[in-house]
Amino acid sequence: MGSKLFGSSGIRGVVNLEITPLLAMQAGSALASIYKGGLFTVGRDSRLTGRMLQSGLISGLISCGAHVKTLGVVPTPTVAYLTRVLGGSSGVSITASHNPAEYNGLKFFDSSGMSYTEDKQCDVERIMLKSQFSLKGFNEIGDAEEVHLEQLYIDSILSSINIRKKLSIICEIFNGATG
């Protein structure tokens, strides 16, 4: 069975029409229900709607017992990398990549930092559509902590390259997380 919510790169759509804070909360609750709590990394790009969707997502995760490391505005690959390095159950990048400003989305990563398979996407969607969330009591909910680990990511990149010449690098980053 193919997923109805998920496209080629997670869940994307026009904000407050196709993707809402409620949908983000349901996605968070579904993820935490699948992983029986667990540790999650959450990052976002610089879109104006990112904080709103992040609030919904994190609320859903915490309500089902998850522990969340919020990364702030970071590139999508940073979320994937830090999910793996921190031993996360899963990670989510709130981004719509190259899509117009009215779009945003949720891109999901597994514990190894790889994008979700179609089977895993269908698992999340099934729980979302049936509202089969493992909500916790007030004393069992999870928590969220803001962390600043960009330097860990940068150091990892620098340790894997050997530059012998002085180089100039030009980047066009448009409206990405580094913009």
N, C-alpha and C. Protein backbone atom coordinates (compact mmCIF):
# COMPACT_ATOMS: atom_id res chain seq x y z
N MET A 1 0.84 -1.18 0.00
CA MET A 1 0.00 0.00 0.00
C MET A 1 0.89 1.24 0.00
N GLY A 2 0.66 2.15 -0.90
CA GLY A 2 1.41 3.39 -0.97
C GLY A 2 0.88 4.39 0.04
N SER A 3 1.73 5.30 0.41
CA SER A 3 1.37 6.33 1.38
C SER A 3 0.58 7.44 0.71
N LYS A 4 -0.41 7.99 1.41
CA LYS A 4 -1.20 9.11 0.90
C LYS A 4 -0.64 10.44 1.38
N LEU A 5 -0.08 10.46 2.58
CA LEU A 5 0.47 11.69 3.14
C LEU A 5 1.89 11.97 2.66
N PHE A 6 2.68 10.92 2.51
CA PHE A 6 4.09 11.06 2.18
C PHE A 6 4.30 11.16 0.68
N GLY A 7 5.19 12.06 0.29
CA GLY A 7 5.60 12.16 -1.10
C GLY A 7 7.00 11.62 -1.25
N SER A 8 7.73 12.14 -2.20
CA SER A 8 9.07 11.65 -2.49
C SER A 8 10.08 11.99 -1.39
N SER A 9 9.75 12.97 -0.56
CA SER A 9 10.70 13.38 0.48
C SER A 9 9.96 13.82 1.74
N GLY A 10 9.18 12.93 2.29
CA GLY A 10 8.45 13.23 3.52
C GLY A 10 7.06 13.76 3.25
N ILE A 11 6.56 14.55 4.19
CA ILE A 11 5.23 15.15 4.08
C ILE A 11 5.43 16.62 3.76
N ARG A 12 4.88 17.08 2.65
CA ARG A 12 5.00 18.49 2.27
C ARG A 12 3.67 19.02 1.80
N GLY A 13 3.51 20.32 1.93
CA GLY A 13 2.31 20.94 1.40
C GLY A 13 2.24 22.41 1.76
N VAL A 14 1.16 23.04 1.33
CA VAL A 14 0.92 24.44 1.65
C VAL A 14 0.57 24.52 3.13
N VAL A 15 1.24 25.40 3.84
CA VAL A 15 1.06 25.52 5.28
C VAL A 15 -0.35 26.02 5.61
N ASN A 16 -0.92 25.41 6.63
CA ASN A 16 -2.26 25.68 7.14
C ASN A 16 -3.36 25.32 6.16
N LEU A 17 -2.99 24.59 5.11
CA LEU A 17 -3.97 24.04 4.19
C LEU A 17 -3.74 22.53 4.08
N GLU A 18 -2.54 22.16 3.65
CA GLU A 18 -2.19 20.74 3.51
C GLU A 18 -1.33 20.23 4.65
N ILE A 19 -0.56 21.10 5.26
CA ILE A 19 0.26 20.71 6.41
C ILE A 19 0.04 21.75 7.51
N THR A 20 -0.42 21.26 8.64
CA THR A 20 -0.83 22.12 9.75
C THR A 20 -0.08 21.74 11.02
N PRO A 21 -0.13 22.59 12.04
CA PRO A 21 0.45 22.21 13.33
C PRO A 21 -0.19 20.93 13.89
N LEU A 22 -1.49 20.74 13.64
CA LEU A 22 -2.17 19.52 14.10
C LEU A 22 -1.59 18.29 13.41
N LEU A 23 -1.37 18.38 12.10
CA LEU A 23 -0.79 17.26 11.38
C LEU A 23 0.63 16.99 11.89
N ALA A 24 1.39 18.04 12.16
CA ALA A 24 2.75 17.87 12.70
C ALA A 24 2.69 17.20 14.07
N MET A 25 1.72 17.59 14.90
CA MET A 25 1.56 16.97 16.21
C MET A 25 1.22 15.49 16.07
N GLN A 26 0.33 15.17 15.14
CA GLN A 26 -0.03 13.77 14.91
C GLN A 26 1.18 12.97 14.42
N ALA A 27 1.99 13.57 13.56
CA ALA A 27 3.20 12.89 13.09
C ALA A 27 4.15 12.64 14.26
N GLY A 28 4.32 13.63 15.13
CA GLY A 28 5.17 13.45 16.30
C GLY A 28 4.65 12.37 17.23
N SER A 29 3.35 12.36 17.46
CA SER A 29 2.75 11.34 18.32
C SER A 29 2.92 9.95 17.71
N ALA A 30 2.76 9.86 16.39
CA ALA A 30 2.93 8.57 15.71
C ALA A 30 4.37 8.08 15.84
N LEU A 31 5.33 8.97 15.62
CA LEU A 31 6.74 8.58 15.73
C LEU A 31 7.07 8.07 17.12
N ALA A 32 6.68 8.84 18.13
CA ALA A 32 6.99 8.44 19.51
C ALA A 32 6.26 7.16 19.89
N SER A 33 5.09 6.93 19.32
CA SER A 33 4.36 5.69 19.58
C SER A 33 5.09 4.50 18.97
N ILE A 34 5.61 4.67 17.77
CA ILE A 34 6.36 3.59 17.11
C ILE A 34 7.61 3.24 17.91
N TYR A 35 8.33 4.25 18.37
CA TYR A 35 9.60 4.03 19.05
C TYR A 35 9.47 3.95 20.57
N LYS A 36 8.23 3.88 21.05
CA LYS A 36 7.96 3.77 22.50
C LYS A 36 8.74 4.84 23.27
N GLY A 37 8.54 6.06 22.87
CA GLY A 37 9.28 7.18 23.45
C GLY A 37 10.48 7.44 22.57
N GLY A 38 11.65 7.15 23.08
CA GLY A 38 12.86 7.29 22.28
C GLY A 38 13.43 8.69 22.29
N LEU A 39 14.55 8.83 21.60
CA LEU A 39 15.24 10.11 21.45
C LEU A 39 15.11 10.58 20.01
N PHE A 40 14.74 11.83 19.82
CA PHE A 40 14.53 12.39 18.49
C PHE A 40 15.31 13.69 18.34
N THR A 41 15.82 13.92 17.14
CA THR A 41 16.42 15.20 16.80
C THR A 41 15.45 15.94 15.88
N VAL A 42 15.32 17.24 16.09
CA VAL A 42 14.43 18.06 15.27
C VAL A 42 15.15 19.34 14.89
N GLY A 43 15.25 19.59 13.60
CA GLY A 43 15.83 20.82 13.09
C GLY A 43 14.91 21.41 12.05
N ARG A 44 15.20 22.65 11.65
CA ARG A 44 14.33 23.30 10.67
C ARG A 44 15.15 24.25 9.82
N ASP A 45 14.54 24.62 8.67
CA ASP A 45 15.16 25.65 7.86
C ASP A 45 14.62 27.01 8.29
N SER A 46 14.91 28.04 7.53
CA SER A 46 14.58 29.40 7.97
C SER A 46 13.20 29.89 7.55
N ARG A 47 12.36 29.01 7.06
CA ARG A 47 11.01 29.44 6.66
C ARG A 47 10.25 29.99 7.86
N LEU A 48 9.42 30.98 7.60
CA LEU A 48 8.65 31.63 8.67
C LEU A 48 7.74 30.66 9.41
N THR A 49 7.27 29.62 8.75
CA THR A 49 6.32 28.69 9.36
C THR A 49 7.00 27.54 10.10
N GLY A 50 8.32 27.51 10.09
CA GLY A 50 9.05 26.41 10.71
C GLY A 50 8.82 26.27 12.20
N ARG A 51 8.85 27.38 12.92
CA ARG A 51 8.65 27.32 14.38
C ARG A 51 7.27 26.78 14.73
N MET A 52 6.26 27.20 13.97
CA MET A 52 4.90 26.75 14.23
C MET A 52 4.79 25.23 14.06
N LEU A 53 5.32 24.70 12.97
CA LEU A 53 5.26 23.26 12.75
C LEU A 53 6.13 22.52 13.75
N GLN A 54 7.27 23.11 14.11
CA GLN A 54 8.14 22.50 15.12
C GLN A 54 7.42 22.38 16.45
N SER A 55 6.68 23.40 16.84
CA SER A 55 5.94 23.34 18.11
C SER A 55 4.94 22.20 18.11
N GLY A 56 4.22 22.03 17.00
CA GLY A 56 3.27 20.93 16.90
C GLY A 56 3.96 19.58 16.96
N LEU A 57 5.02 19.42 16.18
CA LEU A 57 5.76 18.16 16.12
C LEU A 57 6.29 17.78 17.50
N ILE A 58 6.94 18.72 18.17
CA ILE A 58 7.53 18.44 19.48
C ILE A 58 6.46 18.14 20.51
N SER A 59 5.33 18.83 20.45
CA SER A 59 4.23 18.54 21.38
C SER A 59 3.78 17.09 21.22
N GLY A 60 3.65 16.64 19.97
CA GLY A 60 3.26 15.26 19.73
C GLY A 60 4.28 14.27 20.25
N LEU A 61 5.55 14.54 20.00
CA LEU A 61 6.61 13.65 20.47
C LEU A 61 6.61 13.55 22.00
N ILE A 62 6.60 14.69 22.66
CA ILE A 62 6.65 14.72 24.12
C ILE A 62 5.43 14.05 24.74
N SER A 63 4.26 14.25 24.14
CA SER A 63 3.03 13.70 24.71
C SER A 63 3.04 12.18 24.74
N CYS A 64 3.89 11.57 23.92
CA CYS A 64 4.00 10.12 23.88
C CYS A 64 5.32 9.62 24.47
N GLY A 65 5.94 10.45 25.31
CA GLY A 65 7.10 10.02 26.08
C GLY A 65 8.46 10.20 25.45
N ALA A 66 8.55 10.89 24.33
CA ALA A 66 9.84 11.05 23.66
C ALA A 66 10.69 12.14 24.30
N HIS A 67 11.98 11.99 24.13
CA HIS A 67 12.96 13.00 24.52
C HIS A 67 13.46 13.62 23.22
N VAL A 68 13.46 14.95 23.16
CA VAL A 68 13.74 15.66 21.92
C VAL A 68 14.94 16.58 22.08
N LYS A 69 15.83 16.52 21.12
CA LYS A 69 16.94 17.47 21.02
C LYS A 69 16.58 18.41 19.87
N THR A 70 16.31 19.67 20.19
CA THR A 70 16.00 20.63 19.14
C THR A 70 17.30 21.29 18.69
N LEU A 71 17.49 21.32 17.39
CA LEU A 71 18.75 21.77 16.81
C LEU A 71 18.70 23.20 16.29
N GLY A 72 17.51 23.79 16.25
CA GLY A 72 17.37 25.14 15.70
C GLY A 72 17.39 25.12 14.19
N VAL A 73 17.86 26.22 13.60
CA VAL A 73 17.94 26.34 12.15
C VAL A 73 19.24 25.70 11.69
N VAL A 74 19.12 24.56 11.03
CA VAL A 74 20.27 23.81 10.53
C VAL A 74 19.93 23.20 9.18
N PRO A 75 20.94 22.94 8.35
CA PRO A 75 20.68 22.24 7.08
C PRO A 75 20.14 20.83 7.33
N THR A 76 19.34 20.35 6.41
CA THR A 76 18.75 19.02 6.52
C THR A 76 19.79 17.92 6.76
N PRO A 77 20.93 17.91 6.05
CA PRO A 77 21.92 16.86 6.32
C PRO A 77 22.45 16.88 7.76
N THR A 78 22.43 18.04 8.41
CA THR A 78 22.86 18.11 9.80
C THR A 78 21.92 17.33 10.70
N VAL A 79 20.63 17.41 10.43
CA VAL A 79 19.65 16.64 11.21
C VAL A 79 19.92 15.15 11.04
N ALA A 80 20.12 14.72 9.79
CA ALA A 80 20.39 13.31 9.53
C ALA A 80 21.65 12.85 10.25
N TYR A 81 22.71 13.63 10.15
CA TYR A 81 23.99 13.29 10.77
C TYR A 81 23.87 13.22 12.30
N LEU A 82 23.27 14.25 12.89
CA LEU A 82 23.18 14.29 14.36
C LEU A 82 22.23 13.23 14.90
N THR A 83 21.24 12.83 14.13
CA THR A 83 20.38 11.73 14.55
C THR A 83 21.23 10.48 14.77
N ARG A 84 22.11 10.20 13.82
CA ARG A 84 22.98 9.03 13.91
C ARG A 84 23.99 9.18 15.04
N VAL A 85 24.68 10.31 15.09
CA VAL A 85 25.75 10.53 16.07
C VAL A 85 25.22 10.53 17.50
N LEU A 86 24.05 11.10 17.72
CA LEU A 86 23.48 11.18 19.07
C LEU A 86 22.74 9.91 19.48
N GLY A 87 22.67 8.93 18.60
CA GLY A 87 21.97 7.69 18.91
C GLY A 87 20.46 7.87 18.94
N GLY A 88 19.96 8.77 18.11
CA GLY A 88 18.53 9.02 18.06
C GLY A 88 17.75 7.87 17.46
N SER A 89 16.52 7.73 17.91
CA SER A 89 15.61 6.75 17.30
C SER A 89 15.24 7.20 15.90
N SER A 90 15.09 8.50 15.74
CA SER A 90 14.66 9.09 14.48
C SER A 90 14.94 10.58 14.53
N GLY A 91 14.92 11.21 13.37
CA GLY A 91 15.09 12.66 13.29
C GLY A 91 14.11 13.24 12.29
N VAL A 92 13.79 14.51 12.47
CA VAL A 92 12.87 15.19 11.55
C VAL A 92 13.44 16.56 11.21
N SER A 93 13.51 16.84 9.92
CA SER A 93 13.88 18.16 9.44
C SER A 93 12.61 18.84 8.93
N ILE A 94 12.35 20.02 9.42
CA ILE A 94 11.18 20.79 8.98
C ILE A 94 11.65 21.70 7.87
N THR A 95 11.31 21.32 6.64
CA THR A 95 11.81 22.00 5.45
C THR A 95 10.94 21.67 4.26
N ALA A 96 10.94 22.55 3.29
CA ALA A 96 10.28 22.25 2.02
C ALA A 96 11.25 22.42 0.87
N SER A 97 12.53 22.44 1.19
CA SER A 97 13.59 22.47 0.20
C SER A 97 13.39 23.62 -0.79
N HIS A 98 13.25 23.28 -2.04
CA HIS A 98 13.19 24.27 -3.12
C HIS A 98 11.77 24.80 -3.38
N ASN A 99 10.78 24.31 -2.65
CA ASN A 99 9.40 24.71 -2.89
C ASN A 99 9.16 26.17 -2.50
N PRO A 100 8.10 26.79 -3.03
CA PRO A 100 7.79 28.19 -2.72
C PRO A 100 7.56 28.41 -1.22
N ALA A 101 7.60 29.67 -0.81
CA ALA A 101 7.55 30.06 0.61
C ALA A 101 6.31 29.57 1.33
N GLU A 102 5.18 29.42 0.65
CA GLU A 102 3.95 29.00 1.33
C GLU A 102 3.95 27.51 1.67
N TYR A 103 4.96 26.79 1.22
CA TYR A 103 5.09 25.36 1.51
C TYR A 103 6.00 25.14 2.71
N ASN A 104 5.79 24.02 3.37
CA ASN A 104 6.75 23.52 4.34
C ASN A 104 6.52 22.03 4.44
N GLY A 105 7.35 21.35 5.21
CA GLY A 105 7.22 19.90 5.27
C GLY A 105 8.01 19.28 6.40
N LEU A 106 7.85 17.98 6.50
CA LEU A 106 8.53 17.16 7.50
C LEU A 106 9.30 16.07 6.76
N LYS A 107 10.60 16.04 6.92
CA LYS A 107 11.43 15.01 6.31
C LYS A 107 11.98 14.14 7.43
N PHE A 108 11.79 12.83 7.32
CA PHE A 108 12.07 11.89 8.39
C PHE A 108 13.33 11.08 8.13
N PHE A 109 14.11 10.86 9.20
CA PHE A 109 15.33 10.07 9.12
C PHE A 109 15.30 8.96 10.16
N ASP A 110 15.86 7.80 9.79
CA ASP A 110 15.95 6.70 10.75
C ASP A 110 17.20 6.86 11.61
N SER A 111 17.46 5.89 12.46
CA SER A 111 18.57 6.00 13.41
C SER A 111 19.94 6.05 12.75
N SER A 112 20.02 5.60 11.50
CA SER A 112 21.30 5.66 10.79
C SER A 112 21.44 6.93 9.96
N GLY A 113 20.43 7.81 10.03
CA GLY A 113 20.47 9.06 9.29
C GLY A 113 19.96 8.96 7.86
N MET A 114 19.35 7.83 7.54
CA MET A 114 18.81 7.63 6.19
C MET A 114 17.33 8.02 6.16
N SER A 115 16.88 8.48 4.99
CA SER A 115 15.46 8.82 4.83
C SER A 115 14.60 7.59 5.06
N TYR A 116 13.41 7.81 5.55
CA TYR A 116 12.49 6.70 5.80
C TYR A 116 12.18 5.93 4.52
N THR A 117 12.10 4.62 4.65
CA THR A 117 11.65 3.77 3.55
C THR A 117 10.14 3.94 3.39
N GLU A 118 9.62 3.47 2.28
CA GLU A 118 8.17 3.54 2.07
C GLU A 118 7.42 2.75 3.15
N ASP A 119 7.97 1.61 3.56
CA ASP A 119 7.32 0.83 4.62
C ASP A 119 7.23 1.61 5.93
N LYS A 120 8.32 2.29 6.29
CA LYS A 120 8.33 3.07 7.54
C LYS A 120 7.36 4.25 7.42
N GLN A 121 7.31 4.88 6.26
CA GLN A 121 6.36 5.97 6.04
C GLN A 121 4.92 5.47 6.22
N CYS A 122 4.64 4.30 5.68
CA CYS A 122 3.29 3.72 5.81
C CYS A 122 2.96 3.41 7.27
N ASP A 123 3.95 2.97 8.04
CA ASP A 123 3.74 2.72 9.48
C ASP A 123 3.32 4.00 10.19
N VAL A 124 4.04 5.09 9.90
CA VAL A 124 3.72 6.38 10.52
C VAL A 124 2.32 6.82 10.10
N GLU A 125 2.04 6.74 8.82
CA GLU A 125 0.74 7.18 8.30
C GLU A 125 -0.41 6.37 8.89
N ARG A 126 -0.23 5.07 9.01
CA ARG A 126 -1.29 4.21 9.56
C ARG A 126 -1.66 4.64 10.98
N ILE A 127 -0.66 4.89 11.80
CA ILE A 127 -0.92 5.33 13.17
C ILE A 127 -1.58 6.70 13.18
N MET A 128 -1.12 7.58 12.30
CA MET A 128 -1.72 8.92 12.23
C MET A 128 -3.20 8.85 11.84
N LEU A 129 -3.50 8.08 10.81
CA LEU A 129 -4.88 8.02 10.30
C LEU A 129 -5.83 7.34 11.27
N LYS A 130 -5.31 6.40 12.06
CA LYS A 130 -6.15 5.70 13.05
C LYS A 130 -6.09 6.35 14.42
N SER A 131 -5.27 7.38 14.57
CA SER A 131 -5.07 8.06 15.86
C SER A 131 -4.74 7.07 16.97
N GLN A 132 -3.88 6.12 16.67
CA GLN A 132 -3.48 5.10 17.65
C GLN A 132 -2.19 5.52 18.36
N PHE A 133 -2.29 6.60 19.09
CA PHE A 133 -1.12 7.16 19.76
C PHE A 133 -0.98 6.60 21.17
N SER A 134 0.25 6.44 21.61
CA SER A 134 0.55 5.96 22.96
C SER A 134 0.75 7.16 23.88
N LEU A 135 -0.32 7.89 24.13
CA LEU A 135 -0.23 9.08 24.99
C LEU A 135 0.14 8.67 26.41
N LYS A 136 0.97 9.45 27.05
CA LYS A 136 1.47 9.15 28.39
C LYS A 136 0.77 10.00 29.44
N GLY A 137 0.79 9.51 30.67
CA GLY A 137 0.28 10.28 31.80
C GLY A 137 1.18 11.48 32.08
N PHE A 138 0.69 12.39 32.90
CA PHE A 138 1.44 13.63 33.16
C PHE A 138 2.85 13.39 33.68
N ASN A 139 3.07 12.30 34.38
CA ASN A 139 4.39 12.04 34.96
C ASN A 139 5.26 11.13 34.08
N GLU A 140 4.79 10.83 32.88
CA GLU A 140 5.55 9.98 31.96
C GLU A 140 5.87 10.67 30.64
N ILE A 141 5.43 11.93 30.50
CA ILE A 141 5.69 12.62 29.23
C ILE A 141 7.18 12.84 29.05
N GLY A 142 7.57 13.12 27.83
CA GLY A 142 8.98 13.35 27.53
C GLY A 142 9.38 14.79 27.79
N ASP A 143 10.47 15.19 27.17
CA ASP A 143 10.97 16.55 27.34
C ASP A 143 11.70 16.99 26.08
N ALA A 144 11.97 18.27 26.00
CA ALA A 144 12.72 18.83 24.87
C ALA A 144 13.85 19.68 25.41
N GLU A 145 14.97 19.59 24.74
CA GLU A 145 16.16 20.35 25.13
C GLU A 145 16.76 20.95 23.87
N GLU A 146 17.03 22.25 23.91
CA GLU A 146 17.68 22.90 22.78
C GLU A 146 19.18 22.66 22.88
N VAL A 147 19.75 22.17 21.80
CA VAL A 147 21.19 21.91 21.78
C VAL A 147 21.81 22.64 20.60
N HIS A 148 23.08 22.97 20.74
CA HIS A 148 23.81 23.67 19.69
C HIS A 148 25.02 22.81 19.32
N LEU A 149 24.84 21.98 18.33
CA LEU A 149 25.87 21.02 17.97
C LEU A 149 26.40 21.23 16.56
N GLU A 150 26.18 22.42 16.00
CA GLU A 150 26.65 22.69 14.65
C GLU A 150 28.16 22.47 14.53
N GLN A 151 28.90 22.85 15.58
CA GLN A 151 30.35 22.71 15.53
C GLN A 151 30.76 21.24 15.43
N LEU A 152 30.02 20.35 16.08
CA LEU A 152 30.29 18.92 15.96
C LEU A 152 30.19 18.48 14.50
N TYR A 153 29.17 18.97 13.81
CA TYR A 153 28.96 18.66 12.40
C TYR A 153 30.09 19.24 11.54
N ILE A 154 30.44 20.48 11.79
CA ILE A 154 31.51 21.14 11.03
C ILE A 154 32.85 20.42 11.25
N ASP A 155 33.15 20.09 12.50
CA ASP A 155 34.40 19.38 12.80
C ASP A 155 34.46 18.04 12.09
N SER A 156 33.33 17.35 12.02
CA SER A 156 33.27 16.06 11.33
C SER A 156 33.61 16.22 9.85
N ILE A 157 33.05 17.25 9.23
CA ILE A 157 33.34 17.51 7.81
C ILE A 157 34.82 17.84 7.63
N LEU A 158 35.33 18.74 8.45
CA LEU A 158 36.73 19.16 8.32
C LEU A 158 37.70 18.01 8.56
N SER A 159 37.36 17.09 9.44
CA SER A 159 38.26 15.97 9.72
C SER A 159 38.29 14.96 8.58
N SER A 160 37.33 15.03 7.68
CA SER A 160 37.29 14.05 6.59
C SER A 160 37.87 14.58 5.28
N ILE A 161 38.39 15.81 5.30
CA ILE A 161 38.99 16.36 4.09
C ILE A 161 40.40 16.85 4.39
N ASN A 162 41.20 16.90 3.35
CA ASN A 162 42.58 17.37 3.48
C ASN A 162 42.81 18.45 2.43
N ILE A 163 42.90 19.68 2.87
CA ILE A 163 43.08 20.80 1.95
C ILE A 163 44.54 21.24 2.01
N ARG A 164 45.21 21.17 0.87
CA ARG A 164 46.62 21.57 0.81
C ARG A 164 46.81 22.95 0.20
N LYS A 165 45.81 23.42 -0.54
CA LYS A 165 45.89 24.74 -1.16
C LYS A 165 44.90 25.67 -0.49
N LYS A 166 45.22 26.95 -0.58
CA LYS A 166 44.26 27.94 -0.11
C LYS A 166 43.19 28.07 -1.20
N LEU A 167 41.96 27.79 -0.85
CA LEU A 167 40.87 27.81 -1.81
C LEU A 167 39.84 28.86 -1.43
N SER A 168 39.16 29.37 -2.43
CA SER A 168 38.00 30.23 -2.21
C SER A 168 36.76 29.43 -2.60
N ILE A 169 35.74 29.53 -1.80
CA ILE A 169 34.51 28.80 -2.06
C ILE A 169 33.38 29.81 -2.17
N ILE A 170 32.59 29.67 -3.23
CA ILE A 170 31.43 30.53 -3.42
C ILE A 170 30.19 29.67 -3.32
N CYS A 171 29.24 30.10 -2.51
CA CYS A 171 28.00 29.34 -2.33
C CYS A 171 26.80 30.24 -2.59
N GLU A 172 25.81 29.69 -3.28
CA GLU A 172 24.51 30.36 -3.42
C GLU A 172 23.54 29.53 -2.60
N ILE A 173 23.08 30.07 -1.50
CA ILE A 173 22.28 29.28 -0.56
C ILE A 173 20.81 29.63 -0.59
N PHE A 174 20.40 30.57 -1.40
CA PHE A 174 19.01 30.99 -1.52
C PHE A 174 18.41 31.19 -0.13
N ASN A 175 17.33 30.51 0.19
CA ASN A 175 16.67 30.70 1.48
C ASN A 175 16.88 29.51 2.41
N GLY A 176 17.96 28.80 2.26
CA GLY A 176 18.22 27.62 3.06
C GLY A 176 18.56 27.95 4.50
N ALA A 177 18.86 26.93 5.26
CA ALA A 177 19.13 27.08 6.68
C ALA A 177 20.37 27.92 6.95
N THR A 178 21.24 28.02 5.98
CA THR A 178 22.46 28.81 6.18
C THR A 178 22.31 30.24 5.68
N GLY A 179 21.11 30.59 5.18
CA GLY A 179 20.90 31.92 4.58
C GLY A 179 20.42 32.96 5.54
